Amino acid sequence: MSAQYPVARPRRLRRSQALRRMVSGTRLHAADLILPLFVKEGIDAPQPVASMPGVSQHTRDSLRKAAHDAAEAGVGGLILFGIPAVKDATGSAADDPDGILQVALREVTAEVGDALVVMADTCLDEFTDHGHCGILTPSGEVDNDATLERYASIALAQADAGSQMIAPSGMMDGQVGAIRAALDGAGHADVPILSYSVKYASAFFGPFREAAECAPQFGDRSTHQQDPAGPLEEALREVRLDLAEGADAVMVKPALAYLDVITRVRDAVDVPVAAYQVSGEYAMVEAAAANGWIDRDRTIMESLVAIKRAGADMILTYWATEVARQL
């Protein structure tokens, strides 16, 4: 039994910055942060993303500079998203050895791959002309098993290009197993998989779809991404399935609206847990700060600390380089 007021005074441990720092229960490190970066084929200057102030679609040159800046700041990793000049129904540019994503992976890994982890998003939505995450049936449904074949091929192309981690985000049943088998069979048994195991059909993804040019041309992704109102047990089942198929780490996406899910996943597994602070979270803070409604820097840090406190070991955030410099 602890003492009661007036003997007990919790404010004693909050009297100074040094005291607060000493007893802090949540510590954020630069190495915890992963920076998402977009690289677009066929542009000669970075293209700002209107709905994400401070974020751009990069050229290969500006991508390398952004990667160097992140490495110098101590950021733990980068995740690359490629936007090809030509899209088609099967997303053929996604596994093209000379496609924009593979070229970018080779260049970035060669330059900063010893300083941080370089990985790529493994999906099809940035590469298909219909904007969906997989191969479509004649009726317009996403064909799960046909899509697995494409994911396996994309993962191999990324690993061959130097990707140090594979990050499948399409939420297809069996995607981790298909990718793990393909990697192992091709001599890439040492390449880990960070699976987007718990990814919700979220309204918070809106600005990302402008940045990656991947908005669905019809319908939505509710048949494969999870229902925001779905039971927590469904999220845990997805995690267990991915781990059984060979995932080395798992992710929850989005982050702030799903802190309870992050905590439940963290409690349930013995592998690293990542959380993606998504484009909508970023855009809301930037917009509110631009209007003078919130303190931008404090809000950014508070949101990241909340995600860390919920149980995330790694946080994907568009503020990674900026925050790493402050840390």
C-alpha atoms as a PDB file:
ATOM      1  CA  MET A   1       0.000   0.000   0.000  1.00  0.00           C
ATOM      2  CA  SER A   2       1.412   3.383  -0.980  1.00  0.00           C
ATOM      3  CA  ALA A   3       1.178   6.541   1.091  1.00  0.00           C
ATOM      4  CA  GLN A   4      -1.692   8.983   0.578  1.00  0.00           C
ATOM      5  CA  TYR A   5      -1.797  12.774   0.294  1.00  0.00           C
ATOM      6  CA  PRO A   6      -0.332  14.854   1.884  1.00  0.00           C
ATOM      7  CA  VAL A   7       2.597  12.445   2.330  1.00  0.00           C
ATOM      8  CA  ALA A   8       2.268  11.191  -1.234  1.00  0.00           C
ATOM      9  CA  ARG A   9       2.800  13.942  -3.794  1.00  0.00           C
ATOM     10  CA  PRO A  10       3.272  12.631  -7.358  1.00  0.00           C
ATOM     11  CA  ARG A  11       4.168  16.136  -8.543  1.00  0.00           C
ATOM     12  CA  ARG A  12       7.553  15.800  -6.797  1.00  0.00           C
ATOM     13  CA  LEU A  13       8.798  13.693  -9.738  1.00  0.00           C
ATOM     14  CA  ARG A  14       7.529  16.236 -12.275  1.00  0.00           C
ATOM     15  CA  ARG A  15       9.182  19.352 -10.844  1.00  0.00           C
ATOM     16  CA  SER A  16      11.971  19.684 -13.436  1.00  0.00           C
ATOM     17  CA  GLN A  17      12.854  18.587 -16.931  1.00  0.00           C
ATOM     18  CA  ALA A  18      15.741  16.526 -15.551  1.00  0.00           C
ATOM     19  CA  LEU A  19      13.453  14.673 -13.142  1.00  0.00           C
ATOM     20  CA  ARG A  20      10.833  14.050 -15.821  1.00  0.00           C
ATOM     21  CA  ARG A  21      13.489  12.746 -18.195  1.00  0.00           C
ATOM     22  CA  MET A  22      14.977  10.455 -15.553  1.00  0.00           C
ATOM     23  CA  VAL A  23      11.672   8.740 -14.722  1.00  0.00           C
ATOM     24  CA  SER A  24      10.268   8.712 -18.244  1.00  0.00           C
ATOM     25  CA  GLY A  25       8.552   5.423 -18.980  1.00  0.00           C
ATOM     26  CA  THR A  26       8.561   5.811 -22.768  1.00  0.00           C
ATOM     27  CA  ARG A  27      11.713   6.610 -24.686  1.00  0.00           C
ATOM     28  CA  LEU A  28      11.733   7.371 -28.386  1.00  0.00           C
ATOM     29  CA  HIS A  29      14.933   6.763 -30.349  1.00  0.00           C
ATOM     30  CA  ALA A  30      15.877   7.780 -33.872  1.00  0.00           C
ATOM     31  CA  ALA A  31      16.558   4.132 -34.729  1.00  0.00           C
ATOM     32  CA  ASP A  32      12.880   3.342 -33.974  1.00  0.00           C
ATOM     33  CA  LEU A  33      11.782   5.443 -36.962  1.00  0.00           C
ATOM     34  CA  ILE A  34      11.228   4.347 -40.569  1.00  0.00           C
ATOM     35  CA  LEU A  35      10.823   6.994 -43.271  1.00  0.00           C
ATOM     36  CA  PRO A  36       8.431   6.332 -46.190  1.00  0.00           C
ATOM     37  CA  LEU A  37       9.702   7.805 -49.471  1.00  0.00           C
ATOM     38  CA  PHE A  38       8.070   8.056 -52.900  1.00  0.00           C
ATOM     39  CA  VAL A  39      10.071   7.892 -56.122  1.00  0.00           C
ATOM     40  CA  LYS A  40       8.424   8.649 -59.461  1.00  0.00           C
ATOM     41  CA  GLU A  41       9.633   7.734 -62.904  1.00  0.00           C
ATOM     42  CA  GLY A  42       9.892  10.369 -65.605  1.00  0.00           C
ATOM     43  CA  ILE A  43      10.063  13.587 -63.569  1.00  0.00           C
ATOM     44  CA  ASP A  44      13.050  15.946 -63.534  1.00  0.00           C
ATOM     45  CA  ALA A  45      12.320  17.683 -60.201  1.00  0.00           C
ATOM     46  CA  PRO A  46      10.629  16.653 -56.961  1.00  0.00           C
ATOM     47  CA  GLN A  47       6.847  17.041 -57.116  1.00  0.00           C
ATOM     48  CA  PRO A  48       5.253  18.290 -53.857  1.00  0.00           C
ATOM     49  CA  VAL A  49       2.239  16.326 -52.632  1.00  0.00           C
ATOM     50  CA  ALA A  50      -0.505  18.918 -52.114  1.00  0.00           C
ATOM     51  CA  SER A  51      -2.274  17.053 -49.317  1.00  0.00           C
ATOM     52  CA  MET A  52       0.971  16.284 -47.451  1.00  0.00           C
ATOM     53  CA  PRO A  53       2.946  19.529 -46.980  1.00  0.00           C
ATOM     54  CA  GLY A  54       6.656  18.775 -46.830  1.00  0.00           C
ATOM     55  CA  VAL A  55       6.342  15.435 -48.669  1.00  0.00           C
ATOM     56  CA  SER A  56       7.292  15.023 -52.325  1.00  0.00           C
ATOM     57  CA  GLN A  57       7.383  12.479 -55.090  1.00  0.00           C
ATOM     58  CA  HIS A  58      11.130  12.205 -55.612  1.00  0.00           C
ATOM     59  CA  THR A  59      13.383  11.926 -58.591  1.00  0.00           C
ATOM     60  CA  ARG A  60      16.142   9.362 -58.271  1.00  0.00           C
ATOM     61  CA  ASP A  61      18.604  12.134 -57.394  1.00  0.00           C
ATOM     62  CA  SER A  62      16.404  13.782 -54.773  1.00  0.00           C
ATOM     63  CA  LEU A  63      15.565  10.350 -53.348  1.00  0.00           C
ATOM     64  CA  ARG A  64      19.236   9.655 -52.753  1.00  0.00           C
ATOM     65  CA  LYS A  65      19.599  13.013 -51.003  1.00  0.00           C
ATOM     66  CA  ALA A  66      16.593  12.286 -48.780  1.00  0.00           C
ATOM     67  CA  ALA A  67      18.067   8.882 -47.973  1.00  0.00           C
ATOM     68  CA  HIS A  68      21.410  10.446 -47.036  1.00  0.00           C
ATOM     69  CA  ASP A  69      19.663  13.022 -44.834  1.00  0.00           C
ATOM     70  CA  ALA A  70      17.779  10.248 -43.030  1.00  0.00           C
ATOM     71  CA  ALA A  71      20.932   8.204 -42.522  1.00  0.00           C
ATOM     72  CA  GLU A  72      22.837  11.197 -41.152  1.00  0.00           C
ATOM     73  CA  ALA A  73      19.988  11.897 -38.718  1.00  0.00           C
ATOM     74  CA  GLY A  74      20.140   8.326 -37.413  1.00  0.00           C
ATOM     75  CA  VAL A  75      16.816   7.116 -38.803  1.00  0.00           C
ATOM     76  CA  GLY A  76      16.476   3.352 -38.498  1.00  0.00           C
ATOM     77  CA  GLY A  77      15.090   2.567 -41.944  1.00  0.00           C
ATOM     78  CA  LEU A  78      13.521   3.652 -45.213  1.00  0.00           C
ATOM     79  CA  ILE A  79      10.571   2.148 -47.058  1.00  0.00           C
ATOM     80  CA  LEU A  80      10.334   2.982 -50.756  1.00  0.00           C
ATOM     81  CA  PHE A  81       7.202   3.312 -52.884  1.00  0.00           C
ATOM     82  CA  GLY A  82       7.626   3.405 -56.666  1.00  0.00           C
ATOM     83  CA  ILE A  83       5.411   5.200 -59.183  1.00  0.00           C
ATOM     84  CA  PRO A  84       6.028   3.996 -62.742  1.00  0.00           C
ATOM     85  CA  ALA A  85       5.518   6.001 -65.920  1.00  0.00           C
ATOM     86  CA  VAL A  86       3.336   3.255 -67.416  1.00  0.00           C
ATOM     87  CA  LYS A  87       0.760   1.165 -65.558  1.00  0.00           C
ATOM     88  CA  ASP A  88      -1.185  -1.878 -66.712  1.00  0.00           C
ATOM     89  CA  ALA A  89      -3.698  -4.389 -65.411  1.00  0.00           C
ATOM     90  CA  THR A  90      -1.103  -6.748 -63.929  1.00  0.00           C
ATOM     91  CA  GLY A  91       1.303  -4.125 -62.605  1.00  0.00           C
ATOM     92  CA  SER A  92       4.142  -5.437 -64.747  1.00  0.00           C
ATOM     93  CA  ALA A  93       6.453  -2.590 -63.723  1.00  0.00           C
ATOM     94  CA  ALA A  94       6.374  -3.832 -60.123  1.00  0.00           C
ATOM     95  CA  ASP A  95       8.784  -6.721 -60.768  1.00  0.00           C
ATOM     96  CA  ASP A  96      10.632  -5.297 -63.759  1.00  0.00           C
ATOM     97  CA  PRO A  97      14.366  -5.413 -62.893  1.00  0.00           C
ATOM     98  CA  ASP A  98      14.696  -2.065 -64.659  1.00  0.00           C
ATOM     99  CA  GLY A  99      11.525  -0.612 -63.143  1.00  0.00           C
ATOM    100  CA  ILE A 100      11.678   2.538 -61.063  1.00  0.00           C
ATOM    101  CA  LEU A 101      11.414   0.774 -57.711  1.00  0.00           C
ATOM    102  CA  GLN A 102      14.166  -1.746 -58.403  1.00  0.00           C
ATOM    103  CA  VAL A 103      16.468   0.916 -59.823  1.00  0.00           C
ATOM    104  CA  ALA A 104      15.862   3.085 -56.759  1.00  0.00           C
ATOM    105  CA  LEU A 105      16.485   0.155 -54.419  1.00  0.00           C
ATOM    106  CA  ARG A 106      19.840  -0.595 -56.028  1.00  0.00           C
ATOM    107  CA  GLU A 107      20.951   3.020 -55.849  1.00  0.00           C
ATOM    108  CA  VAL A 108      19.766   3.760 -52.326  1.00  0.00           C
ATOM    109  CA  THR A 109      20.988   0.475 -50.861  1.00  0.00           C
ATOM    110  CA  ALA A 110      24.414   0.955 -52.422  1.00  0.00           C
ATOM    111  CA  GLU A 111      24.725   4.417 -50.873  1.00  0.00           C
ATOM    112  CA  VAL A 112      23.156   4.122 -47.415  1.00  0.00           C
ATOM    113  CA  GLY A 113      22.418   0.429 -46.927  1.00  0.00           C
ATOM    114  CA  ASP A 114      25.174   0.114 -44.327  1.00  0.00           C
ATOM    115  CA  ALA A 115      23.740   2.963 -42.243  1.00  0.00           C
ATOM    116  CA  LEU A 116      20.069   2.019 -42.119  1.00  0.00           C
ATOM    117  CA  VAL A 117      17.639  -0.647 -43.338  1.00  0.00           C
ATOM    118  CA  VAL A 118      16.366  -0.115 -46.878  1.00  0.00           C
ATOM    119  CA  MET A 119      13.111  -1.865 -47.687  1.00  0.00           C
ATOM    120  CA  ALA A 120      10.293  -1.585 -50.191  1.00  0.00           C
ATOM    121  CA  ASP A 121       6.537  -1.805 -50.109  1.00  0.00           C
ATOM    122  CA  THR A 122       5.536  -5.076 -51.761  1.00  0.00           C
ATOM    123  CA  CYS A 123       2.178  -4.524 -53.405  1.00  0.00           C
ATOM    124  CA  LEU A 124       0.574  -3.786 -56.763  1.00  0.00           C
ATOM    125  CA  ASP A 125      -1.636  -0.747 -56.259  1.00  0.00           C
ATOM    126  CA  GLU A 126       1.038   1.763 -57.295  1.00  0.00           C
ATOM    127  CA  PHE A 127       1.621  -0.203 -60.498  1.00  0.00           C
ATOM    128  CA  THR A 128      -1.844  -1.215 -61.737  1.00  0.00           C
ATOM    129  CA  ASP A 129      -3.943   0.969 -64.000  1.00  0.00           C
ATOM    130  CA  HIS A 130      -7.043   0.107 -61.955  1.00  0.00           C
ATOM    131  CA  GLY A 131      -5.405   1.014 -58.633  1.00  0.00           C
ATOM    132  CA  HIS A 132      -6.244  -2.205 -56.819  1.00  0.00           C
ATOM    133  CA  CYS A 133      -3.774  -4.268 -54.823  1.00  0.00           C
ATOM    134  CA  GLY A 134      -3.995  -7.381 -56.980  1.00  0.00           C
ATOM    135  CA  ILE A 135      -5.008  -9.140 -60.158  1.00  0.00           C
ATOM    136  CA  LEU A 136      -8.669  -8.724 -61.007  1.00  0.00           C
ATOM    137  CA  THR A 137     -11.156 -11.357 -62.102  1.00  0.00           C
ATOM    138  CA  PRO A 138     -13.368 -10.636 -65.123  1.00  0.00           C
ATOM    139  CA  SER A 139     -16.051  -9.437 -62.709  1.00  0.00           C
ATOM    140  CA  GLY A 140     -13.677  -6.952 -61.078  1.00  0.00           C
ATOM    141  CA  GLU A 141     -12.933  -8.828 -57.856  1.00  0.00           C
ATOM    142  CA  VAL A 142      -9.381  -9.117 -56.528  1.00  0.00           C
ATOM    143  CA  ASP A 143      -8.177 -12.664 -57.236  1.00  0.00           C
ATOM    144  CA  ASN A 144      -6.336 -13.639 -54.060  1.00  0.00           C
ATOM    145  CA  ASP A 145      -4.348 -16.626 -55.339  1.00  0.00           C
ATOM    146  CA  ALA A 146      -3.379 -15.113 -58.688  1.00  0.00           C
ATOM    147  CA  THR A 147      -2.181 -12.070 -56.765  1.00  0.00           C
ATOM    148  CA  LEU A 148       0.052 -14.236 -54.562  1.00  0.00           C
ATOM    149  CA  GLU A 149       2.037 -15.249 -57.639  1.00  0.00           C
ATOM    150  CA  ARG A 150       2.606 -11.590 -58.474  1.00  0.00           C
ATOM    151  CA  TYR A 151       3.648 -10.764 -54.899  1.00  0.00           C
ATOM    152  CA  ALA A 152       6.188 -13.584 -54.903  1.00  0.00           C
ATOM    153  CA  SER A 153       7.675 -12.302 -58.153  1.00  0.00           C
ATOM    154  CA  ILE A 154       7.778  -8.712 -56.873  1.00  0.00           C
ATOM    155  CA  ALA A 155       9.470  -9.777 -53.640  1.00  0.00           C
ATOM    156  CA  LEU A 156      12.154 -11.626 -55.598  1.00  0.00           C
ATOM    157  CA  ALA A 157      12.770  -8.606 -57.814  1.00  0.00           C
ATOM    158  CA  GLN A 158      13.099  -6.388 -54.739  1.00  0.00           C
ATOM    159  CA  ALA A 159      15.453  -8.786 -52.968  1.00  0.00           C
ATOM    160  CA  ASP A 160      17.575  -9.112 -56.109  1.00  0.00           C
ATOM    161  CA  ALA A 161      17.740  -5.301 -56.239  1.00  0.00           C
ATOM    162  CA  GLY A 162      19.093  -5.171 -52.691  1.00  0.00           C
ATOM    163  CA  SER A 163      16.010  -4.659 -50.528  1.00  0.00           C
ATOM    164  CA  GLN A 164      17.063  -5.610 -47.013  1.00  0.00           C
ATOM    165  CA  MET A 165      13.514  -6.358 -45.895  1.00  0.00           C
ATOM    166  CA  ILE A 166      10.309  -7.240 -47.737  1.00  0.00           C
ATOM    167  CA  ALA A 167       7.117  -5.481 -46.600  1.00  0.00           C
ATOM    168  CA  PRO A 168       3.951  -6.980 -48.142  1.00  0.00           C
ATOM    169  CA  SER A 169       1.010  -4.624 -47.664  1.00  0.00           C
ATOM    170  CA  GLY A 170      -1.775  -6.066 -49.825  1.00  0.00           C
ATOM    171  CA  MET A 171      -3.559  -8.070 -47.096  1.00  0.00           C
ATOM    172  CA  MET A 172      -3.966 -11.126 -49.317  1.00  0.00           C
ATOM    173  CA  ASP A 173      -4.521 -14.423 -47.522  1.00  0.00           C
ATOM    174  CA  GLY A 174      -1.299 -16.429 -47.683  1.00  0.00           C
ATOM    175  CA  GLN A 175       0.905 -13.568 -48.885  1.00  0.00           C
ATOM    176  CA  VAL A 176       3.653 -14.132 -46.326  1.00  0.00           C
ATOM    177  CA  GLY A 177       3.884 -17.845 -47.039  1.00  0.00           C
ATOM    178  CA  ALA A 178       4.056 -17.309 -50.793  1.00  0.00           C
ATOM    179  CA  ILE A 179       6.779 -14.682 -50.427  1.00  0.00           C
ATOM    180  CA  ARG A 180       8.765 -16.688 -47.874  1.00  0.00           C
ATOM    181  CA  ALA A 181       8.771 -19.743 -50.132  1.00  0.00           C
ATOM    182  CA  ALA A 182       9.852 -17.693 -53.136  1.00  0.00           C
ATOM    183  CA  LEU A 183      12.652 -15.946 -51.256  1.00  0.00           C
ATOM    184  CA  ASP A 184      13.963 -19.164 -49.720  1.00  0.00           C
ATOM    185  CA  GLY A 185      13.832 -20.978 -53.042  1.00  0.00           C
ATOM    186  CA  ALA A 186      15.855 -18.245 -54.749  1.00  0.00           C
ATOM    187  CA  GLY A 187      18.633 -18.043 -52.181  1.00  0.00           C
ATOM    188  CA  HIS A 188      17.227 -15.128 -50.175  1.00  0.00           C
ATOM    189  CA  ALA A 189      16.549 -17.039 -46.952  1.00  0.00           C
ATOM    190  CA  ASP A 190      18.278 -14.284 -44.976  1.00  0.00           C
ATOM    191  CA  VAL A 191      15.902 -11.509 -46.128  1.00  0.00           C
ATOM    192  CA  PRO A 192      13.293 -10.821 -43.400  1.00  0.00           C
ATOM    193  CA  ILE A 193       9.616 -10.072 -43.928  1.00  0.00           C
ATOM    194  CA  LEU A 194       7.826  -7.209 -42.190  1.00  0.00           C
ATOM    195  CA  SER A 195       4.185  -8.003 -42.848  1.00  0.00           C
ATOM    196  CA  TYR A 196       1.374  -5.473 -42.860  1.00  0.00           C
ATOM    197  CA  SER A 197      -0.585  -7.991 -40.800  1.00  0.00           C
ATOM    198  CA  VAL A 198      -3.269  -5.655 -39.433  1.00  0.00           C
ATOM    199  CA  LYS A 199      -4.240  -3.091 -42.048  1.00  0.00           C
ATOM    200  CA  TYR A 200      -7.624  -1.447 -41.848  1.00  0.00           C
ATOM    201  CA  ALA A 201      -9.807  -0.134 -44.683  1.00  0.00           C
ATOM    202  CA  SER A 202      -9.217   3.343 -43.353  1.00  0.00           C
ATOM    203  CA  ALA A 203     -10.228   6.858 -44.352  1.00  0.00           C
ATOM    204  CA  PHE A 204      -6.843   7.987 -43.016  1.00  0.00           C
ATOM    205  CA  PHE A 205      -5.122   6.676 -46.180  1.00  0.00           C
ATOM    206  CA  GLY A 206      -6.511   9.415 -48.430  1.00  0.00           C
ATOM    207  CA  PRO A 207      -3.447  11.655 -48.899  1.00  0.00           C
ATOM    208  CA  PHE A 208      -1.205   8.617 -49.477  1.00  0.00           C
ATOM    209  CA  ARG A 209      -3.235   7.721 -52.537  1.00  0.00           C
ATOM    210  CA  GLU A 210      -2.367  11.094 -54.014  1.00  0.00           C
ATOM    211  CA  ALA A 211       1.308  10.629 -53.160  1.00  0.00           C
ATOM    212  CA  ALA A 212       1.513   7.091 -54.577  1.00  0.00           C
ATOM    213  CA  GLU A 213      -1.057   7.684 -57.338  1.00  0.00           C
ATOM    214  CA  CYS A 214      -2.872   4.511 -56.341  1.00  0.00           C
ATOM    215  CA  ALA A 215      -6.505   5.443 -55.728  1.00  0.00           C
ATOM    216  CA  PRO A 216      -8.826   2.614 -56.884  1.00  0.00           C
ATOM    217  CA  GLN A 217     -10.556   3.464 -60.146  1.00  0.00           C
ATOM    218  CA  PHE A 218     -13.691   1.751 -58.857  1.00  0.00           C
ATOM    219  CA  GLY A 219     -14.862   0.180 -55.616  1.00  0.00           C
ATOM    220  CA  ASP A 220     -12.694   0.079 -52.523  1.00  0.00           C
ATOM    221  CA  ARG A 221     -10.451  -2.307 -50.561  1.00  0.00           C
ATOM    222  CA  SER A 222     -12.920  -3.495 -47.951  1.00  0.00           C
ATOM    223  CA  THR A 223     -12.828  -7.089 -49.197  1.00  0.00           C
ATOM    224  CA  HIS A 224      -9.215  -7.544 -48.119  1.00  0.00           C
ATOM    225  CA  GLN A 225      -8.329  -4.781 -45.650  1.00  0.00           C
ATOM    226  CA  GLN A 226      -9.906  -5.143 -42.218  1.00  0.00           C
ATOM    227  CA  ASP A 227     -13.125  -3.506 -41.064  1.00  0.00           C
ATOM    228  CA  PRO A 228     -12.357  -0.677 -38.600  1.00  0.00           C
ATOM    229  CA  ALA A 229     -15.256  -1.948 -36.480  1.00  0.00           C
ATOM    230  CA  GLY A 230     -14.080  -5.546 -36.663  1.00  0.00           C
ATOM    231  CA  PRO A 231     -13.242  -7.520 -33.521  1.00  0.00           C
ATOM    232  CA  LEU A 232      -9.767  -7.388 -32.009  1.00  0.00           C
ATOM    233  CA  GLU A 233      -9.641 -11.161 -32.304  1.00  0.00           C
ATOM    234  CA  GLU A 234      -9.637 -10.804 -36.089  1.00  0.00           C
ATOM    235  CA  ALA A 235      -6.501  -8.666 -35.909  1.00  0.00           C
ATOM    236  CA  LEU A 236      -4.791 -11.202 -33.682  1.00  0.00           C
ATOM    237  CA  ARG A 237      -5.785 -14.025 -36.012  1.00  0.00           C
ATOM    238  CA  GLU A 238      -4.218 -12.203 -38.962  1.00  0.00           C
ATOM    239  CA  VAL A 239      -1.020 -11.773 -36.946  1.00  0.00           C
ATOM    240  CA  ARG A 240      -0.905 -15.434 -35.946  1.00  0.00           C
ATOM    241  CA  LEU A 241      -1.414 -16.555 -39.530  1.00  0.00           C
ATOM    242  CA  ASP A 242       1.400 -14.332 -40.785  1.00  0.00           C
ATOM    243  CA  LEU A 243       3.769 -15.554 -38.092  1.00  0.00           C
ATOM    244  CA  ALA A 244       2.931 -19.158 -38.913  1.00  0.00           C
ATOM    245  CA  GLU A 245       3.783 -18.417 -42.560  1.00  0.00           C
ATOM    246  CA  GLY A 246       7.182 -16.975 -41.656  1.00  0.00           C
ATOM    247  CA  ALA A 247       6.806 -13.267 -40.891  1.00  0.00           C
ATOM    248  CA  ASP A 248       9.756 -11.878 -38.929  1.00  0.00           C
ATOM    249  CA  ALA A 249       7.920  -8.745 -37.770  1.00  0.00           C
ATOM    250  CA  VAL A 250       4.330  -7.494 -37.985  1.00  0.00           C
ATOM    251  CA  MET A 251       2.681  -4.135 -38.518  1.00  0.00           C
ATOM    252  CA  VAL A 252      -0.494  -2.329 -37.500  1.00  0.00           C
ATOM    253  CA  LYS A 253      -1.766   0.386 -39.865  1.00  0.00           C
ATOM    254  CA  PRO A 254      -2.978   3.113 -39.159  1.00  0.00           C
ATOM    255  CA  ALA A 255      -1.493   3.910 -35.765  1.00  0.00           C
ATOM    256  CA  LEU A 256      -3.238   6.587 -33.675  1.00  0.00           C
ATOM    257  CA  ALA A 257      -6.799   5.365 -34.212  1.00  0.00           C
ATOM    258  CA  TYR A 258      -5.708   1.819 -33.375  1.00  0.00           C
ATOM    259  CA  LEU A 259      -3.496   2.200 -30.309  1.00  0.00           C
ATOM    260  CA  ASP A 260      -5.528  -0.491 -28.556  1.00  0.00           C
ATOM    261  CA  VAL A 261      -4.772  -2.912 -31.387  1.00  0.00           C
ATOM    262  CA  ILE A 262      -1.051  -2.127 -31.221  1.00  0.00           C
ATOM    263  CA  THR A 263      -1.097  -2.947 -27.511  1.00  0.00           C
ATOM    264  CA  ARG A 264      -2.959  -6.213 -27.989  1.00  0.00           C
ATOM    265  CA  VAL A 265      -0.603  -7.297 -30.764  1.00  0.00           C
ATOM    266  CA  ARG A 266       2.457  -6.328 -28.710  1.00  0.00           C
ATOM    267  CA  ASP A 267       1.176  -8.408 -25.798  1.00  0.00           C
ATOM    268  CA  ALA A 268       0.467 -11.400 -28.023  1.00  0.00           C
ATOM    269  CA  VAL A 269       3.713 -11.815 -29.975  1.00  0.00           C
ATOM    270  CA  ASP A 270       7.443 -12.190 -29.403  1.00  0.00           C
ATOM    271  CA  VAL A 271       8.574 -10.489 -32.619  1.00  0.00           C
ATOM    272  CA  PRO A 272       9.046  -6.759 -33.348  1.00  0.00           C
ATOM    273  CA  VAL A 273       5.849  -4.776 -33.852  1.00  0.00           C
ATOM    274  CA  ALA A 274       5.687  -1.820 -36.235  1.00  0.00           C
ATOM    275  CA  ALA A 275       2.990   0.828 -36.541  1.00  0.00           C
ATOM    276  CA  TYR A 276       2.428   3.141 -39.509  1.00  0.00           C
ATOM    277  CA  GLN A 277       1.609   6.765 -38.697  1.00  0.00           C
ATOM    278  CA  VAL A 278      -0.244   7.220 -41.966  1.00  0.00           C
ATOM    279  CA  SER A 279      -0.753  10.097 -44.358  1.00  0.00           C
ATOM    280  CA  GLY A 280      -4.048  11.246 -42.875  1.00  0.00           C
ATOM    281  CA  GLU A 281      -2.503  11.506 -39.417  1.00  0.00           C
ATOM    282  CA  TYR A 282       0.340  13.546 -40.889  1.00  0.00           C
ATOM    283  CA  ALA A 283      -1.920  15.778 -42.973  1.00  0.00           C
ATOM    284  CA  MET A 284      -4.257  16.625 -40.095  1.00  0.00           C
ATOM    285  CA  VAL A 285      -1.407  17.775 -37.887  1.00  0.00           C
ATOM    286  CA  GLU A 286       0.206  19.817 -40.661  1.00  0.00           C
ATOM    287  CA  ALA A 287      -3.102  21.448 -41.611  1.00  0.00           C
ATOM    288  CA  ALA A 288      -4.055  22.305 -38.045  1.00  0.00           C
ATOM    289  CA  ALA A 289      -0.578  23.664 -37.338  1.00  0.00           C
ATOM    290  CA  ALA A 290      -0.644  25.784 -40.499  1.00  0.00           C
ATOM    291  CA  ASN A 291      -3.844  27.394 -39.185  1.00  0.00           C
ATOM    292  CA  GLY A 292      -2.265  28.079 -35.829  1.00  0.00           C
ATOM    293  CA  TRP A 293      -4.652  25.751 -34.012  1.00  0.00           C
ATOM    294  CA  ILE A 294      -2.028  23.455 -32.437  1.00  0.00           C
ATOM    295  CA  ASP A 295       1.640  23.478 -31.518  1.00  0.00           C
ATOM    296  CA  ARG A 296       3.094  21.487 -34.409  1.00  0.00           C
ATOM    297  CA  ASP A 297       6.315  20.225 -32.826  1.00  0.00           C
ATOM    298  CA  ARG A 298       4.723  19.207 -29.540  1.00  0.00           C
ATOM    299  CA  THR A 299       1.853  17.458 -31.324  1.00  0.00           C
ATOM    300  CA  ILE A 300       4.219  15.475 -33.535  1.00  0.00           C
ATOM    301  CA  MET A 301       6.277  14.304 -30.588  1.00  0.00           C
ATOM    302  CA  GLU A 302       3.249  13.547 -28.437  1.00  0.00           C
ATOM    303  CA  SER A 303       1.683  11.425 -31.168  1.00  0.00           C
ATOM    304  CA  LEU A 304       4.872   9.418 -31.654  1.00  0.00           C
ATOM    305  CA  VAL A 305       5.291   8.876 -27.924  1.00  0.00           C
ATOM    306  CA  ALA A 306       1.691   7.611 -27.767  1.00  0.00           C
ATOM    307  CA  ILE A 307       2.384   5.069 -30.509  1.00  0.00           C
ATOM    308  CA  LYS A 308       5.570   3.971 -28.786  1.00  0.00           C
ATOM    309  CA  ARG A 309       3.832   3.719 -25.409  1.00  0.00           C
ATOM    310  CA  ALA A 310       1.110   1.550 -26.965  1.00  0.00           C
ATOM    311  CA  GLY A 311       3.793  -1.000 -27.789  1.00  0.00           C
ATOM    312  CA  ALA A 312       5.274  -0.246 -31.200  1.00  0.00           C
ATOM    313  CA  ASP A 313       8.959  -1.073 -31.522  1.00  0.00           C
ATOM    314  CA  MET A 314       9.196   0.659 -34.908  1.00  0.00           C
ATOM    315  CA  ILE A 315       7.186   3.585 -36.244  1.00  0.00           C
ATOM    316  CA  LEU A 316       6.780   4.454 -39.907  1.00  0.00           C
ATOM    317  CA  THR A 317       6.366   8.223 -40.044  1.00  0.00           C
ATOM    318  CA  TYR A 318       6.811  10.978 -42.605  1.00  0.00           C
ATOM    319  CA  TRP A 319       8.447  13.057 -39.869  1.00  0.00           C
ATOM    320  CA  ALA A 320      11.202  10.470 -39.286  1.00  0.00           C
ATOM    321  CA  THR A 321      14.189  12.581 -40.355  1.00  0.00           C
ATOM    322  CA  GLU A 322      12.959  15.756 -38.659  1.00  0.00           C
ATOM    323  CA  VAL A 323      12.220  13.978 -35.385  1.00  0.00           C
ATOM    324  CA  ALA A 324      15.448  11.970 -35.476  1.00  0.00           C
ATOM    325  CA  ARG A 325      17.402  15.227 -35.650  1.00  0.00           C
ATOM    326  CA  GLN A 326      15.573  16.513 -32.585  1.00  0.00           C
ATOM    327  CA  LEU A 327      16.229  13.325 -30.674  1.00  0.00           C
END
